[in-house]
Amino acid sequence: MMIDILEFTLERLTQTFEKDFGKGRFHAQALFRDIFKQGNVNFLTSPEFLDSPRFARILKGKVSVNPGVVVNTFDEGELTKFITRLSDGLEIESVVIPMTRHNTLCISSQVGCKMGCKFCETGRMGFKRNLSISEITGQIYNGRHYLKKDIKNIVFMGMGEPLDNFDNVMGAIQVMNQQQGFDIALRHMTLSTAGFVPGIERLAKMKMPGLRLAISINAPDDKIRSSLMPINKVFPLAALKKSLVDFSLPKRGIFLFEYILIKGLNDSPAHAAMLADYIHPLPARLNLIAYNKIIGLDYENPCDDEMYTFADLLSAKGIMVIKRWSRGRSVAAGCGQLGTHT
């Protein structure tokens, strides 16, 4: 049996060692420490394995570390976008975003996307395939151990719809959450969805307190949202809101709503009023994001004054608003700009 280590939790690795090799948690923890925390692929040189040479010889060749190969990086200040080539030659993009005291990693969950959002470069790619657990966790492995970035937060806001790759994304979250490994707390992870209602309903049953759910809404009514996001034709705003009303948040938990402001399309005072009415009475914070210009699309990005005006209208309705001017635009790393065409 080959052990694709980036897909394993400590518990699963311990069980595998016990079942297949007659070893246990002692060696599993050593392997986790070396690979996940230290990025040491020559783990057999660690003391635990030097003291068990027979086991080390058996294990050699059975453990693989396959995060994909970083083939290019693009920097805008301290922000870094990196492109990973997978084993089949397909490529994904990830972004390390500097924050005040740490870095956030924007992770991809699919090659391409089925959702087809009109303002999104990934949506224009179409859908290639889901990422495996190790291809998802491999992005934090490469971010920490290849790029040497101190990553403390994870946002599933890269390429793909995370809830459309539900099992592998949940598996990756469990691996990243392991204290003995990557040690990312659930409260430091955010999963963004275009409104894939079956996935939201499945997530509600998982009982994962602390994991944040972000909803990319982008329009206050079905007509505009359906024109921007085809998923709305299948799961309209009423169905989406019902899934959120039924979602059991932890105490003081909130939803994150993401609203990409597009000049002349979804930015009027009437749109702000309808959006506030839709969000009430859900406990929520809204991230207001200026649209990033994409070559070949006719949408226009708003000016700063238009961002402030729209935010003020929402605030007056009691909505907590955070204004975000996307970083990484110059290297096509901003919201909606990720996409490869290999």
C-alpha atoms as a PDB file:
ATOM      1  CA  MET A   1       0.000   0.000   0.000  1.00  0.00           C
ATOM      2  CA  MET A   2       1.320   3.448  -0.976  1.00  0.00           C
ATOM      3  CA  ILE A   3       0.834   6.161   1.610  1.00  0.00           C
ATOM      4  CA  ASP A   4       0.057   9.525   0.002  1.00  0.00           C
ATOM      5  CA  ILE A   5       0.906  11.260   3.252  1.00  0.00           C
ATOM      6  CA  LEU A   6      -0.731  14.620   2.476  1.00  0.00           C
ATOM      7  CA  GLU A   7      -4.110  12.836   2.495  1.00  0.00           C
ATOM      8  CA  PHE A   8      -3.667  11.320   5.963  1.00  0.00           C
ATOM      9  CA  THR A   9      -4.818  12.433   9.369  1.00  0.00           C
ATOM     10  CA  LEU A  10      -2.661  11.338  12.290  1.00  0.00           C
ATOM     11  CA  GLU A  11      -5.350   8.890  13.405  1.00  0.00           C
ATOM     12  CA  ARG A  12      -5.543   7.251   9.981  1.00  0.00           C
ATOM     13  CA  LEU A  13      -1.744   7.045   9.704  1.00  0.00           C
ATOM     14  CA  THR A  14      -1.506   5.492  13.182  1.00  0.00           C
ATOM     15  CA  GLN A  15      -4.109   2.874  12.237  1.00  0.00           C
ATOM     16  CA  THR A  16      -2.232   2.112   9.003  1.00  0.00           C
ATOM     17  CA  PHE A  17       1.063   1.696  10.846  1.00  0.00           C
ATOM     18  CA  GLU A  18      -0.584  -0.604  13.396  1.00  0.00           C
ATOM     19  CA  LYS A  19      -2.382  -2.704  10.798  1.00  0.00           C
ATOM     20  CA  ASP A  20       0.326  -2.991   8.143  1.00  0.00           C
ATOM     21  CA  PHE A  21       3.588  -2.680  10.081  1.00  0.00           C
ATOM     22  CA  GLY A  22       2.933  -3.437  13.739  1.00  0.00           C
ATOM     23  CA  LYS A  23       3.998   0.097  14.667  1.00  0.00           C
ATOM     24  CA  GLY A  24       1.917   2.902  16.104  1.00  0.00           C
ATOM     25  CA  ARG A  25       1.467   6.507  17.150  1.00  0.00           C
ATOM     26  CA  PHE A  26       5.129   7.073  18.112  1.00  0.00           C
ATOM     27  CA  HIS A  27       6.348   6.688  14.533  1.00  0.00           C
ATOM     28  CA  ALA A  28       3.223   8.269  13.038  1.00  0.00           C
ATOM     29  CA  GLN A  29       3.796  11.429  15.075  1.00  0.00           C
ATOM     30  CA  ALA A  30       7.448  11.515  14.004  1.00  0.00           C
ATOM     31  CA  LEU A  31       6.455  11.255  10.344  1.00  0.00           C
ATOM     32  CA  PHE A  32       3.848  13.989  10.778  1.00  0.00           C
ATOM     33  CA  ARG A  33       6.347  16.283  12.486  1.00  0.00           C
ATOM     34  CA  ASP A  34       8.988  15.820   9.820  1.00  0.00           C
ATOM     35  CA  ILE A  35       6.759  16.163   6.747  1.00  0.00           C
ATOM     36  CA  PHE A  36       3.929  18.481   7.776  1.00  0.00           C
ATOM     37  CA  LYS A  37       5.716  20.777  10.214  1.00  0.00           C
ATOM     38  CA  GLN A  38       9.276  20.702   8.880  1.00  0.00           C
ATOM     39  CA  GLY A  39       8.826  19.827   5.218  1.00  0.00           C
ATOM     40  CA  ASN A  40      11.477  17.131   5.598  1.00  0.00           C
ATOM     41  CA  VAL A  41      10.979  14.522   2.871  1.00  0.00           C
ATOM     42  CA  ASN A  42      14.121  12.703   4.103  1.00  0.00           C
ATOM     43  CA  PHE A  43      12.231  11.693   7.238  1.00  0.00           C
ATOM     44  CA  LEU A  44      14.076   8.377   7.571  1.00  0.00           C
ATOM     45  CA  THR A  45      17.069  10.294   8.952  1.00  0.00           C
ATOM     46  CA  SER A  46      15.088  11.386  12.021  1.00  0.00           C
ATOM     47  CA  PRO A  47      15.956   9.709  15.355  1.00  0.00           C
ATOM     48  CA  GLU A  48      12.734   7.680  15.591  1.00  0.00           C
ATOM     49  CA  PHE A  49      13.466   5.963  12.282  1.00  0.00           C
ATOM     50  CA  LEU A  50      17.222   5.652  12.826  1.00  0.00           C
ATOM     51  CA  ASP A  51      16.342   3.685  15.948  1.00  0.00           C
ATOM     52  CA  SER A  52      14.047   1.417  13.898  1.00  0.00           C
ATOM     53  CA  PRO A  53      16.179   0.622  10.822  1.00  0.00           C
ATOM     54  CA  ARG A  54      14.138  -2.410   9.733  1.00  0.00           C
ATOM     55  CA  PHE A  55      10.904  -0.442   9.801  1.00  0.00           C
ATOM     56  CA  ALA A  56      12.635   2.457   8.015  1.00  0.00           C
ATOM     57  CA  ARG A  57      13.732   0.137   5.198  1.00  0.00           C
ATOM     58  CA  ILE A  58      10.196  -1.233   4.844  1.00  0.00           C
ATOM     59  CA  LEU A  59       8.688   2.241   4.883  1.00  0.00           C
ATOM     60  CA  LYS A  60      11.087   3.627   2.296  1.00  0.00           C
ATOM     61  CA  GLY A  61       9.303   3.818  -1.027  1.00  0.00           C
ATOM     62  CA  LYS A  62       5.874   3.399   0.565  1.00  0.00           C
ATOM     63  CA  VAL A  63       5.437   7.035   1.652  1.00  0.00           C
ATOM     64  CA  SER A  64       5.016   9.682  -1.034  1.00  0.00           C
ATOM     65  CA  VAL A  65       4.802  13.467  -0.731  1.00  0.00           C
ATOM     66  CA  ASN A  66       2.988  14.797  -3.799  1.00  0.00           C
ATOM     67  CA  PRO A  67       2.058  18.484  -3.402  1.00  0.00           C
ATOM     68  CA  GLY A  68       2.503  19.225  -7.096  1.00  0.00           C
ATOM     69  CA  VAL A  69       5.325  21.282  -8.583  1.00  0.00           C
ATOM     70  CA  VAL A  70       5.398  25.060  -8.255  1.00  0.00           C
ATOM     71  CA  VAL A  71       6.263  26.144 -11.800  1.00  0.00           C
ATOM     72  CA  ASN A  72       5.867  29.910 -11.492  1.00  0.00           C
ATOM     73  CA  THR A  73       5.361  32.699  -8.982  1.00  0.00           C
ATOM     74  CA  PHE A  74       4.182  36.289  -9.365  1.00  0.00           C
ATOM     75  CA  ASP A  75       4.677  38.949  -6.713  1.00  0.00           C
ATOM     76  CA  GLU A  76       2.905  42.210  -5.957  1.00  0.00           C
ATOM     77  CA  GLY A  77       4.669  43.569  -2.904  1.00  0.00           C
ATOM     78  CA  GLU A  78       4.397  40.895  -0.221  1.00  0.00           C
ATOM     79  CA  LEU A  79       1.526  39.139  -2.039  1.00  0.00           C
ATOM     80  CA  THR A  80       2.497  36.029  -4.006  1.00  0.00           C
ATOM     81  CA  LYS A  81       0.515  34.066  -6.559  1.00  0.00           C
ATOM     82  CA  PHE A  82       1.941  30.643  -7.334  1.00  0.00           C
ATOM     83  CA  ILE A  83       1.064  28.183 -10.066  1.00  0.00           C
ATOM     84  CA  THR A  84       1.201  24.458  -9.294  1.00  0.00           C
ATOM     85  CA  ARG A  85       1.509  21.837 -12.000  1.00  0.00           C
ATOM     86  CA  LEU A  86      -0.278  18.623 -11.048  1.00  0.00           C
ATOM     87  CA  SER A  87       0.737  15.073 -11.950  1.00  0.00           C
ATOM     88  CA  ASP A  88      -1.440  15.052 -15.088  1.00  0.00           C
ATOM     89  CA  GLY A  89      -0.049  18.356 -16.341  1.00  0.00           C
ATOM     90  CA  LEU A  90      -3.038  20.504 -15.359  1.00  0.00           C
ATOM     91  CA  GLU A  91      -2.311  23.650 -13.370  1.00  0.00           C
ATOM     92  CA  ILE A  92      -3.930  25.496 -10.485  1.00  0.00           C
ATOM     93  CA  GLU A  93      -3.361  28.907  -8.936  1.00  0.00           C
ATOM     94  CA  SER A  94      -3.072  29.829  -5.255  1.00  0.00           C
ATOM     95  CA  VAL A  95      -2.403  33.159  -3.559  1.00  0.00           C
ATOM     96  CA  VAL A  96      -0.510  34.009  -0.367  1.00  0.00           C
ATOM     97  CA  ILE A  97      -2.018  37.226   0.999  1.00  0.00           C
ATOM     98  CA  PRO A  98      -0.072  39.153   3.667  1.00  0.00           C
ATOM     99  CA  MET A  99      -2.083  40.269   6.673  1.00  0.00           C
ATOM    100  CA  THR A 100      -1.084  42.322   9.722  1.00  0.00           C
ATOM    101  CA  ARG A 101       0.419  39.477  11.760  1.00  0.00           C
ATOM    102  CA  HIS A 102       0.274  36.455   9.449  1.00  0.00           C
ATOM    103  CA  ASN A 103      -0.350  35.247   5.906  1.00  0.00           C
ATOM    104  CA  THR A 104      -3.610  33.930   4.487  1.00  0.00           C
ATOM    105  CA  LEU A 105      -3.518  31.274   1.767  1.00  0.00           C
ATOM    106  CA  CYS A 106      -6.254  31.369  -0.881  1.00  0.00           C
ATOM    107  CA  ILE A 107      -6.691  27.740  -1.932  1.00  0.00           C
ATOM    108  CA  SER A 108      -8.152  26.158  -5.066  1.00  0.00           C
ATOM    109  CA  SER A 109     -10.434  23.121  -4.832  1.00  0.00           C
ATOM    110  CA  GLN A 110     -10.969  22.300  -8.528  1.00  0.00           C
ATOM    111  CA  VAL A 111      -9.254  22.733 -11.857  1.00  0.00           C
ATOM    112  CA  GLY A 112     -11.728  25.112 -13.426  1.00  0.00           C
ATOM    113  CA  CYS A 113     -15.306  25.350 -12.209  1.00  0.00           C
ATOM    114  CA  LYS A 114     -18.807  24.242 -13.193  1.00  0.00           C
ATOM    115  CA  MET A 115     -20.557  27.334 -11.861  1.00  0.00           C
ATOM    116  CA  GLY A 116     -19.838  29.537 -14.889  1.00  0.00           C
ATOM    117  CA  CYS A 117     -20.059  32.895 -13.090  1.00  0.00           C
ATOM    118  CA  LYS A 118     -19.868  35.568 -15.774  1.00  0.00           C
ATOM    119  CA  PHE A 119     -17.448  37.867 -13.947  1.00  0.00           C
ATOM    120  CA  CYS A 120     -14.958  35.109 -13.066  1.00  0.00           C
ATOM    121  CA  GLU A 121     -11.931  33.946 -15.048  1.00  0.00           C
ATOM    122  CA  THR A 122     -12.108  30.471 -13.478  1.00  0.00           C
ATOM    123  CA  GLY A 123     -15.721  30.164 -14.603  1.00  0.00           C
ATOM    124  CA  ARG A 124     -14.655  30.931 -18.161  1.00  0.00           C
ATOM    125  CA  MET A 125     -12.260  27.959 -18.047  1.00  0.00           C
ATOM    126  CA  GLY A 126     -15.043  25.456 -17.663  1.00  0.00           C
ATOM    127  CA  PHE A 127     -14.634  22.423 -15.439  1.00  0.00           C
ATOM    128  CA  LYS A 128     -11.624  20.116 -15.802  1.00  0.00           C
ATOM    129  CA  ARG A 129     -11.727  17.991 -12.652  1.00  0.00           C
ATOM    130  CA  ASN A 130     -11.840  17.941  -8.865  1.00  0.00           C
ATOM    131  CA  LEU A 131      -8.660  18.185  -6.843  1.00  0.00           C
ATOM    132  CA  SER A 132      -7.720  15.273  -4.610  1.00  0.00           C
ATOM    133  CA  ILE A 133      -7.170  15.753  -0.889  1.00  0.00           C
ATOM    134  CA  SER A 134      -3.381  15.859  -1.333  1.00  0.00           C
ATOM    135  CA  GLU A 135      -3.646  18.341  -4.213  1.00  0.00           C
ATOM    136  CA  ILE A 136      -5.608  20.634  -1.891  1.00  0.00           C
ATOM    137  CA  THR A 137      -3.362  20.220   1.160  1.00  0.00           C
ATOM    138  CA  GLY A 138      -0.325  20.324  -1.128  1.00  0.00           C
ATOM    139  CA  GLN A 139      -0.986  24.036  -1.626  1.00  0.00           C
ATOM    140  CA  ILE A 140      -0.302  24.802   2.027  1.00  0.00           C
ATOM    141  CA  TYR A 141       2.667  22.395   1.973  1.00  0.00           C
ATOM    142  CA  ASN A 142       4.195  24.316  -0.935  1.00  0.00           C
ATOM    143  CA  GLY A 143       3.240  27.670   0.551  1.00  0.00           C
ATOM    144  CA  ARG A 144       5.000  26.918   3.814  1.00  0.00           C
ATOM    145  CA  HIS A 145       7.907  24.716   2.776  1.00  0.00           C
ATOM    146  CA  TYR A 146       8.673  25.791  -0.801  1.00  0.00           C
ATOM    147  CA  LEU A 147       7.808  29.488  -0.616  1.00  0.00           C
ATOM    148  CA  LYS A 148       8.738  29.692   3.096  1.00  0.00           C
ATOM    149  CA  LYS A 149       5.605  31.667   3.998  1.00  0.00           C
ATOM    150  CA  ASP A 150       4.204  31.731   7.532  1.00  0.00           C
ATOM    151  CA  ILE A 151       0.610  30.770   6.731  1.00  0.00           C
ATOM    152  CA  LYS A 152      -1.955  30.860   9.551  1.00  0.00           C
ATOM    153  CA  ASN A 153      -5.282  31.307   7.709  1.00  0.00           C
ATOM    154  CA  ILE A 154      -6.915  29.341   4.884  1.00  0.00           C
ATOM    155  CA  VAL A 155      -9.648  30.628   2.588  1.00  0.00           C
ATOM    156  CA  PHE A 156     -11.241  28.325   0.016  1.00  0.00           C
ATOM    157  CA  MET A 157     -11.726  31.180  -2.426  1.00  0.00           C
ATOM    158  CA  GLY A 158      -9.438  30.105  -5.246  1.00  0.00           C
ATOM    159  CA  MET A 159     -10.354  28.156  -8.362  1.00  0.00           C
ATOM    160  CA  GLY A 160     -13.510  26.037  -8.170  1.00  0.00           C
ATOM    161  CA  GLU A 161     -16.628  25.632  -6.048  1.00  0.00           C
ATOM    162  CA  PRO A 162     -15.505  23.931  -2.799  1.00  0.00           C
ATOM    163  CA  LEU A 163     -18.920  22.435  -1.999  1.00  0.00           C
ATOM    164  CA  ASP A 164     -18.998  20.785  -5.441  1.00  0.00           C
ATOM    165  CA  ASN A 165     -15.922  18.793  -4.344  1.00  0.00           C
ATOM    166  CA  PHE A 166     -17.379  18.189  -0.917  1.00  0.00           C
ATOM    167  CA  ASP A 167     -15.716  14.959   0.244  1.00  0.00           C
ATOM    168  CA  ASN A 168     -12.186  15.928  -0.775  1.00  0.00           C
ATOM    169  CA  VAL A 169     -12.502  19.440   0.636  1.00  0.00           C
ATOM    170  CA  MET A 170     -13.786  18.098   3.964  1.00  0.00           C
ATOM    171  CA  GLY A 171     -10.969  15.546   3.982  1.00  0.00           C
ATOM    172  CA  ALA A 172      -8.424  18.292   3.324  1.00  0.00           C
ATOM    173  CA  ILE A 173      -9.864  20.424   6.127  1.00  0.00           C
ATOM    174  CA  GLN A 174      -9.461  17.510   8.542  1.00  0.00           C
ATOM    175  CA  VAL A 175      -5.823  17.072   7.480  1.00  0.00           C
ATOM    176  CA  MET A 176      -5.060  20.804   7.782  1.00  0.00           C
ATOM    177  CA  ASN A 177      -6.743  20.918  11.181  1.00  0.00           C
ATOM    178  CA  GLN A 178      -4.405  18.303  12.721  1.00  0.00           C
ATOM    179  CA  GLN A 179      -2.538  19.934  15.593  1.00  0.00           C
ATOM    180  CA  GLN A 180       0.474  17.667  15.080  1.00  0.00           C
ATOM    181  CA  GLY A 181       0.615  18.632  11.401  1.00  0.00           C
ATOM    182  CA  PHE A 182      -0.364  21.870   9.654  1.00  0.00           C
ATOM    183  CA  ASP A 183      -2.234  22.960  12.810  1.00  0.00           C
ATOM    184  CA  ILE A 184      -4.790  25.303  11.216  1.00  0.00           C
ATOM    185  CA  ALA A 185      -7.719  25.821  13.582  1.00  0.00           C
ATOM    186  CA  LEU A 186     -11.210  25.626  12.074  1.00  0.00           C
ATOM    187  CA  ARG A 187     -11.833  29.234  13.122  1.00  0.00           C
ATOM    188  CA  HIS A 188      -8.949  30.198  10.819  1.00  0.00           C
ATOM    189  CA  MET A 189     -10.541  28.546   7.783  1.00  0.00           C
ATOM    190  CA  THR A 190     -13.206  30.066   5.540  1.00  0.00           C
ATOM    191  CA  LEU A 191     -15.079  28.139   2.884  1.00  0.00           C
ATOM    192  CA  SER A 192     -16.679  30.225   0.127  1.00  0.00           C
ATOM    193  CA  THR A 193     -19.599  29.046  -1.983  1.00  0.00           C
ATOM    194  CA  ALA A 194     -21.483  30.456  -4.953  1.00  0.00           C
ATOM    195  CA  GLY A 195     -24.656  29.216  -3.269  1.00  0.00           C
ATOM    196  CA  PHE A 196     -24.481  25.463  -3.861  1.00  0.00           C
ATOM    197  CA  VAL A 197     -27.443  24.597  -1.630  1.00  0.00           C
ATOM    198  CA  PRO A 198     -26.943  20.794  -1.432  1.00  0.00           C
ATOM    199  CA  GLY A 199     -23.407  21.392  -0.205  1.00  0.00           C
ATOM    200  CA  ILE A 200     -24.548  23.942   2.377  1.00  0.00           C
ATOM    201  CA  GLU A 201     -27.100  21.426   3.663  1.00  0.00           C
ATOM    202  CA  ARG A 202     -24.443  18.695   3.867  1.00  0.00           C
ATOM    203  CA  LEU A 203     -22.059  21.056   5.644  1.00  0.00           C
ATOM    204  CA  ALA A 204     -24.750  21.914   8.194  1.00  0.00           C
ATOM    205  CA  LYS A 205     -24.866  18.239   9.196  1.00  0.00           C
ATOM    206  CA  MET A 206     -21.080  18.028   9.672  1.00  0.00           C
ATOM    207  CA  LYS A 207     -21.127  20.008  12.935  1.00  0.00           C
ATOM    208  CA  MET A 208     -17.781  21.755  12.368  1.00  0.00           C
ATOM    209  CA  PRO A 209     -17.936  24.670  14.838  1.00  0.00           C
ATOM    210  CA  GLY A 210     -15.621  27.494  13.941  1.00  0.00           C
ATOM    211  CA  LEU A 211     -15.380  26.798  10.211  1.00  0.00           C
ATOM    212  CA  ARG A 212     -16.593  29.954   8.514  1.00  0.00           C
ATOM    213  CA  LEU A 213     -19.017  29.901   5.618  1.00  0.00           C
ATOM    214  CA  ALA A 214     -18.868  32.687   3.041  1.00  0.00           C
ATOM    215  CA  ILE A 215     -21.579  33.166   0.433  1.00  0.00           C
ATOM    216  CA  SER A 216     -20.762  34.861  -2.857  1.00  0.00           C
ATOM    217  CA  ILE A 217     -24.062  36.645  -3.476  1.00  0.00           C
ATOM    218  CA  ASN A 218     -23.250  39.565  -5.837  1.00  0.00           C
ATOM    219  CA  ALA A 219     -26.844  40.616  -6.555  1.00  0.00           C
ATOM    220  CA  PRO A 220     -29.963  41.380  -4.498  1.00  0.00           C
ATOM    221  CA  ASP A 221     -32.562  39.836  -6.826  1.00  0.00           C
ATOM    222  CA  ASP A 222     -32.941  36.716  -8.934  1.00  0.00           C
ATOM    223  CA  LYS A 223     -32.912  38.503 -12.278  1.00  0.00           C
ATOM    224  CA  ILE A 224     -29.511  40.121 -11.858  1.00  0.00           C
ATOM    225  CA  ARG A 225     -28.020  37.197  -9.958  1.00  0.00           C
ATOM    226  CA  SER A 226     -29.120  34.671 -12.595  1.00  0.00           C
ATOM    227  CA  SER A 227     -27.527  36.822 -15.302  1.00  0.00           C
ATOM    228  CA  LEU A 228     -24.237  36.825 -13.368  1.00  0.00           C
ATOM    229  CA  MET A 229     -24.356  33.396 -11.728  1.00  0.00           C
ATOM    230  CA  PRO A 230     -26.106  30.544 -13.566  1.00  0.00           C
ATOM    231  CA  ILE A 231     -26.319  28.564 -10.310  1.00  0.00           C
ATOM    232  CA  ASN A 232     -29.079  30.964  -9.242  1.00  0.00           C
ATOM    233  CA  LYS A 233     -31.372  29.478 -11.894  1.00  0.00           C
ATOM    234  CA  VAL A 234     -31.154  26.137 -10.048  1.00  0.00           C
ATOM    235  CA  PHE A 235     -30.880  27.446  -6.475  1.00  0.00           C
ATOM    236  CA  PRO A 236     -32.509  30.908  -6.420  1.00  0.00           C
ATOM    237  CA  LEU A 237     -32.129  33.383  -3.600  1.00  0.00           C
ATOM    238  CA  ALA A 238     -35.113  32.072  -1.620  1.00  0.00           C
ATOM    239  CA  ALA A 239     -33.705  28.520  -1.583  1.00  0.00           C
ATOM    240  CA  LEU A 240     -30.263  29.836  -0.660  1.00  0.00           C
ATOM    241  CA  LYS A 241     -31.638  31.859   2.244  1.00  0.00           C
ATOM    242  CA  LYS A 242     -33.645  28.907   3.563  1.00  0.00           C
ATOM    243  CA  SER A 243     -30.461  26.807   3.666  1.00  0.00           C
ATOM    244  CA  LEU A 244     -28.789  29.566   5.687  1.00  0.00           C
ATOM    245  CA  VAL A 245     -31.722  30.039   8.050  1.00  0.00           C
ATOM    246  CA  ASP A 246     -31.627  26.285   8.732  1.00  0.00           C
ATOM    247  CA  PHE A 247     -27.831  26.313   9.207  1.00  0.00           C
ATOM    248  CA  SER A 248     -26.898  26.012  12.875  1.00  0.00           C
ATOM    249  CA  LEU A 249     -24.168  28.552  13.622  1.00  0.00           C
ATOM    250  CA  PRO A 250     -22.080  28.349  16.790  1.00  0.00           C
ATOM    251  CA  LYS A 251     -22.670  30.912  19.510  1.00  0.00           C
ATOM    252  CA  ARG A 252     -21.715  34.371  18.193  1.00  0.00           C
ATOM    253  CA  GLY A 253     -21.079  32.816  14.789  1.00  0.00           C
ATOM    254  CA  ILE A 254     -21.797  34.803  11.639  1.00  0.00           C
ATOM    255  CA  PHE A 255     -22.073  34.241   7.914  1.00  0.00           C
ATOM    256  CA  LEU A 256     -19.812  36.122   5.544  1.00  0.00           C
ATOM    257  CA  PHE A 257     -21.439  37.518   2.430  1.00  0.00           C
ATOM    258  CA  GLU A 258     -19.301  38.546  -0.533  1.00  0.00           C
ATOM    259  CA  TYR A 259     -20.663  41.164  -2.913  1.00  0.00           C
ATOM    260  CA  ILE A 260     -18.668  42.109  -5.992  1.00  0.00           C
ATOM    261  CA  LEU A 261     -19.696  45.641  -6.905  1.00  0.00           C
ATOM    262  CA  ILE A 262     -19.995  46.135 -10.665  1.00  0.00           C
ATOM    263  CA  LYS A 263     -20.518  49.643 -11.977  1.00  0.00           C
ATOM    264  CA  GLY A 264     -23.987  50.211 -13.401  1.00  0.00           C
ATOM    265  CA  LEU A 265     -25.189  46.663 -12.734  1.00  0.00           C
ATOM    266  CA  ASN A 266     -25.654  45.995  -9.021  1.00  0.00           C
ATOM    267  CA  ASP A 267     -24.608  49.261  -7.390  1.00  0.00           C
ATOM    268  CA  SER A 268     -27.728  51.459  -7.067  1.00  0.00           C
ATOM    269  CA  PRO A 269     -29.373  52.605  -3.812  1.00  0.00           C
ATOM    270  CA  ALA A 270     -32.297  50.299  -4.618  1.00  0.00           C
ATOM    271  CA  HIS A 271     -29.894  47.368  -4.883  1.00  0.00           C
ATOM    272  CA  ALA A 272     -28.393  48.252  -1.501  1.00  0.00           C
ATOM    273  CA  ALA A 273     -31.851  48.359   0.096  1.00  0.00           C
ATOM    274  CA  MET A 274     -32.856  44.995  -1.388  1.00  0.00           C
ATOM    275  CA  LEU A 275     -29.559  43.440  -0.324  1.00  0.00           C
ATOM    276  CA  ALA A 276     -29.994  44.640   3.265  1.00  0.00           C
ATOM    277  CA  ASP A 277     -33.535  43.245   3.350  1.00  0.00           C
ATOM    278  CA  TYR A 278     -32.260  39.900   2.072  1.00  0.00           C
ATOM    279  CA  ILE A 279     -29.488  39.609   4.642  1.00  0.00           C
ATOM    280  CA  HIS A 280     -31.731  40.507   7.597  1.00  0.00           C
ATOM    281  CA  PRO A 281     -32.163  38.856  10.073  1.00  0.00           C
ATOM    282  CA  LEU A 282     -29.166  36.573   9.452  1.00  0.00           C
ATOM    283  CA  PRO A 283     -26.125  37.272  11.642  1.00  0.00           C
ATOM    284  CA  ALA A 284     -23.704  38.389   8.950  1.00  0.00           C
ATOM    285  CA  ARG A 285     -20.848  40.541   7.802  1.00  0.00           C
ATOM    286  CA  LEU A 286     -20.620  41.677   4.206  1.00  0.00           C
ATOM    287  CA  ASN A 287     -17.349  41.967   2.311  1.00  0.00           C
ATOM    288  CA  LEU A 288     -17.869  44.576  -0.392  1.00  0.00           C
ATOM    289  CA  ILE A 289     -15.374  43.871  -3.173  1.00  0.00           C
ATOM    290  CA  ALA A 290     -14.610  46.120  -6.115  1.00  0.00           C
ATOM    291  CA  TYR A 291     -14.921  44.214  -9.395  1.00  0.00           C
ATOM    292  CA  ASN A 292     -11.593  43.345 -10.985  1.00  0.00           C
ATOM    293  CA  LYS A 293     -11.398  44.033 -14.697  1.00  0.00           C
ATOM    294  CA  ILE A 294     -10.988  40.893 -16.821  1.00  0.00           C
ATOM    295  CA  ILE A 295      -9.908  41.078 -20.464  1.00  0.00           C
ATOM    296  CA  GLY A 296     -12.777  40.194 -22.781  1.00  0.00           C
ATOM    297  CA  LEU A 297     -15.556  41.153 -20.389  1.00  0.00           C
ATOM    298  CA  ASP A 298     -17.544  44.393 -20.603  1.00  0.00           C
ATOM    299  CA  TYR A 299     -18.143  44.856 -16.880  1.00  0.00           C
ATOM    300  CA  GLU A 300     -16.719  48.007 -15.295  1.00  0.00           C
ATOM    301  CA  ASN A 301     -15.137  48.395 -11.884  1.00  0.00           C
ATOM    302  CA  PRO A 302     -16.525  51.092  -9.538  1.00  0.00           C
ATOM    303  CA  CYS A 303     -14.560  54.097  -8.376  1.00  0.00           C
ATOM    304  CA  ASP A 304     -13.722  54.620  -4.703  1.00  0.00           C
ATOM    305  CA  ASP A 305     -16.603  57.061  -4.133  1.00  0.00           C
ATOM    306  CA  GLU A 306     -19.100  54.503  -5.492  1.00  0.00           C
ATOM    307  CA  MET A 307     -17.722  51.870  -3.134  1.00  0.00           C
ATOM    308  CA  TYR A 308     -18.048  54.198  -0.148  1.00  0.00           C
ATOM    309  CA  THR A 309     -21.570  55.282  -1.129  1.00  0.00           C
ATOM    310  CA  PHE A 310     -22.836  51.720  -1.482  1.00  0.00           C
ATOM    311  CA  ALA A 311     -21.196  50.690   1.797  1.00  0.00           C
ATOM    312  CA  ASP A 312     -22.739  53.663   3.618  1.00  0.00           C
ATOM    313  CA  LEU A 313     -26.203  52.742   2.345  1.00  0.00           C
ATOM    314  CA  LEU A 314     -25.797  49.211   3.731  1.00  0.00           C
ATOM    315  CA  SER A 315     -24.382  50.454   7.032  1.00  0.00           C
ATOM    316  CA  ALA A 316     -27.391  52.744   7.442  1.00  0.00           C
ATOM    317  CA  LYS A 317     -29.560  49.606   7.174  1.00  0.00           C
ATOM    318  CA  GLY A 318     -27.640  47.917   9.979  1.00  0.00           C
ATOM    319  CA  ILE A 319     -25.355  45.720   7.845  1.00  0.00           C
ATOM    320  CA  MET A 320     -21.749  45.322   8.976  1.00  0.00           C
ATOM    321  CA  VAL A 321     -19.648  46.108   5.891  1.00  0.00           C
ATOM    322  CA  ILE A 322     -15.952  45.656   5.177  1.00  0.00           C
ATOM    323  CA  LYS A 323     -14.751  47.407   2.011  1.00  0.00           C
ATOM    324  CA  ARG A 324     -12.137  45.494   0.050  1.00  0.00           C
ATOM    325  CA  TRP A 325     -10.150  46.803  -2.864  1.00  0.00           C
ATOM    326  CA  SER A 326      -8.606  43.655  -4.271  1.00  0.00           C
ATOM    327  CA  ARG A 327      -4.892  43.217  -3.955  1.00  0.00           C
ATOM    328  CA  GLY A 328      -2.951  41.346  -6.584  1.00  0.00           C
ATOM    329  CA  ARG A 329      -4.660  42.890  -9.606  1.00  0.00           C
ATOM    330  CA  SER A 330      -1.347  43.521 -11.354  1.00  0.00           C
ATOM    331  CA  VAL A 331      -0.517  39.799 -11.294  1.00  0.00           C
ATOM    332  CA  ALA A 332      -4.103  38.594 -11.933  1.00  0.00           C
ATOM    333  CA  ALA A 333      -4.397  37.383  -8.353  1.00  0.00           C
ATOM    334  CA  GLY A 334      -7.451  39.410  -7.350  1.00  0.00           C
ATOM    335  CA  CYS A 335     -10.952  38.102  -6.708  1.00  0.00           C
ATOM    336  CA  GLY A 336     -12.308  36.492  -9.878  1.00  0.00           C
ATOM    337  CA  GLN A 337      -8.993  36.669 -11.757  1.00  0.00           C
ATOM    338  CA  LEU A 338      -7.593  33.195 -11.116  1.00  0.00           C
ATOM    339  CA  GLY A 339      -7.588  30.900 -14.110  1.00  0.00           C
ATOM    340  CA  THR A 340      -5.263  28.870 -16.290  1.00  0.00           C
ATOM    341  CA  HIS A 341      -6.019  27.615 -19.755  1.00  0.00           C
ATOM    342  CA  THR A 342      -3.691  24.632 -20.054  1.00  0.00           C
END
